[in-house]
Protein backbone atom coordinates (compact mmCIF):
# COMPACT_ATOMS: atom_id res chain seq x y z
CA MET A 1 -52.65 -7.03 11.29
CA SER A 2 -51.32 -10.16 12.90
CA GLY A 3 -52.42 -13.62 11.95
CA ALA A 4 -52.05 -17.14 13.21
CA VAL A 5 -49.05 -19.18 12.22
CA PRO A 6 -48.65 -22.94 12.46
CA GLY A 7 -46.98 -24.27 15.59
CA GLY A 8 -43.28 -23.94 16.06
CA TRP A 9 -42.64 -20.87 13.90
CA LYS A 10 -42.61 -18.37 16.74
CA ALA A 11 -40.15 -20.55 18.63
CA PHE A 12 -38.03 -20.85 15.47
CA PHE A 13 -37.87 -17.06 15.11
CA TRP A 14 -37.05 -16.61 18.82
CA LEU A 15 -34.22 -19.10 18.33
CA ALA A 16 -32.99 -17.07 15.33
CA CYS A 17 -33.17 -13.95 17.51
CA LEU A 18 -31.09 -15.51 20.27
CA TYR A 19 -28.64 -17.02 17.78
CA ASN A 20 -27.92 -13.64 16.17
CA LEU A 21 -27.73 -11.85 19.52
CA VAL A 22 -25.28 -14.36 20.98
CA ILE A 23 -23.08 -14.52 17.86
CA GLY A 24 -23.22 -10.75 17.32
CA LEU A 25 -22.55 -9.76 20.92
CA GLY A 26 -19.79 -12.36 21.27
CA ALA A 27 -18.08 -11.14 18.12
CA PHE A 28 -18.51 -7.52 19.21
CA LEU A 29 -16.87 -8.14 22.58
CA ALA A 30 -13.97 -9.93 20.89
CA ALA A 31 -13.37 -7.20 18.29
CA PRO A 32 -11.36 -4.01 18.68
CA TRP A 33 -13.61 -0.98 19.22
CA GLY A 34 -14.55 0.72 15.96
CA SER A 35 -13.07 -2.01 13.76
CA PRO A 36 -14.88 -3.44 10.73
CA ASP A 37 -15.32 -6.66 12.72
CA ALA A 38 -17.05 -4.74 15.54
CA VAL A 39 -19.33 -2.96 13.08
CA SER A 40 -20.26 -6.26 11.41
CA ALA A 41 -20.95 -7.80 14.81
CA VAL A 42 -23.33 -4.95 15.68
CA LEU A 43 -25.23 -5.58 12.45
CA VAL A 44 -25.50 -9.29 13.25
CA ALA A 45 -26.87 -8.47 16.70
CA CYS A 46 -29.31 -5.93 15.25
CA PHE A 47 -30.70 -8.59 12.94
CA GLY A 48 -31.31 -10.59 16.12
CA ILE A 49 -33.59 -7.78 17.26
CA VAL A 50 -35.36 -7.92 13.89
CA TYR A 51 -35.93 -11.67 14.27
CA GLY A 52 -37.37 -10.98 17.73
CA LEU A 53 -39.92 -8.67 16.11
CA VAL A 54 -40.74 -11.41 13.62
CA ALA A 55 -41.15 -13.89 16.48
CA ARG A 56 -43.71 -11.62 18.15
CA ASP A 57 -45.80 -11.24 14.99
CA PRO A 58 -44.56 -13.48 12.15
CA VAL A 59 -47.26 -12.60 9.64
CA ARG A 60 -46.91 -8.84 10.05
CA PHE A 61 -43.11 -8.80 9.97
CA ALA A 62 -42.56 -11.62 7.47
CA PRO A 63 -41.27 -9.27 4.72
CA VAL A 64 -38.24 -8.32 6.82
CA LEU A 65 -37.08 -11.91 6.48
CA ILE A 66 -36.11 -11.18 2.86
CA PRO A 67 -32.99 -9.16 3.78
CA GLY A 68 -32.28 -11.79 6.42
CA ILE A 69 -32.26 -14.49 3.75
CA VAL A 70 -30.04 -12.41 1.46
CA GLY A 71 -27.61 -11.57 4.28
CA LYS A 72 -27.39 -15.13 5.52
CA ALA A 73 -26.96 -16.47 1.98
CA MET A 74 -24.07 -14.06 1.40
CA VAL A 75 -22.46 -15.11 4.70
CA VAL A 76 -22.76 -18.74 3.63
CA LEU A 77 -21.12 -18.00 0.27
CA MET A 78 -18.35 -15.77 1.64
CA ILE A 79 -17.53 -17.48 4.93
CA GLY A 80 -19.19 -20.89 4.91
CA LEU A 81 -17.83 -22.40 1.74
CA PRO A 82 -14.15 -21.69 2.55
CA ASN A 83 -14.56 -22.94 6.12
CA TRP A 84 -16.38 -26.14 5.21
CA ARG A 85 -13.34 -27.26 3.23
CA VAL A 86 -10.25 -28.98 4.55
CA GLY A 87 -8.13 -26.44 6.36
CA GLY A 88 -11.09 -24.19 7.18
CA ASP A 89 -12.02 -23.06 10.68
CA PRO A 90 -14.49 -25.62 12.08
CA ALA A 91 -15.97 -23.08 14.54
CA LEU A 92 -16.74 -20.60 11.76
CA GLY A 93 -18.07 -23.43 9.63
CA ALA A 94 -20.46 -24.44 12.42
CA ILE A 95 -21.67 -20.87 12.96
CA VAL A 96 -22.34 -20.42 9.26
CA ALA A 97 -24.14 -23.77 9.11
CA GLY A 98 -26.60 -22.19 11.56
CA ASP A 99 -27.03 -19.27 9.16
CA LEU A 100 -27.78 -21.71 6.35
CA LEU A 101 -30.40 -23.48 8.47
CA PHE A 102 -32.08 -20.22 9.47
CA ALA A 103 -32.06 -18.85 5.91
CA THR A 104 -33.66 -22.08 4.72
CA GLY A 105 -36.30 -21.86 7.45
CA PHE A 106 -37.03 -18.22 6.63
CA ALA A 107 -37.51 -19.12 2.96
CA ILE A 108 -39.82 -22.01 3.81
CA PHE A 109 -41.89 -19.76 6.08
CA LEU A 110 -42.23 -17.08 3.40
CA TRP A 111 -43.10 -19.65 0.73
CA ARG A 112 -45.79 -21.20 2.94
CA GLN A 113 -47.17 -17.77 3.86
CA SER A 114 -47.41 -16.81 0.20
CA ARG A 115 -49.34 -19.99 -0.55
CA HIS A 116 -51.87 -19.20 2.20
CA ALA A 117 -52.25 -15.49 1.43
């Protein structure tokens, strides 16, 4: 059953949806067909679809944010940290900074939901 969420959260999840779709589809189009990079890009885009479901009904689909947090945290650790250092790729660093912001937002949403449950 759906429930009300405080203002801004639906927009936040739609932004996460668009972010993952744009990054995932862009990476997919740039990758050779069937490569590990293409497969990873498809997964990123598919998580965009998941975040769209969350945007439509945040209370009902809130639990699917848990794998989103884990995935984004791993991306931050594996790709972000090396690219935030001198000599890293600033474009990758910026993309992963977005992942860090969304993971943080997802965690805050889940924490607030658990306090009001």
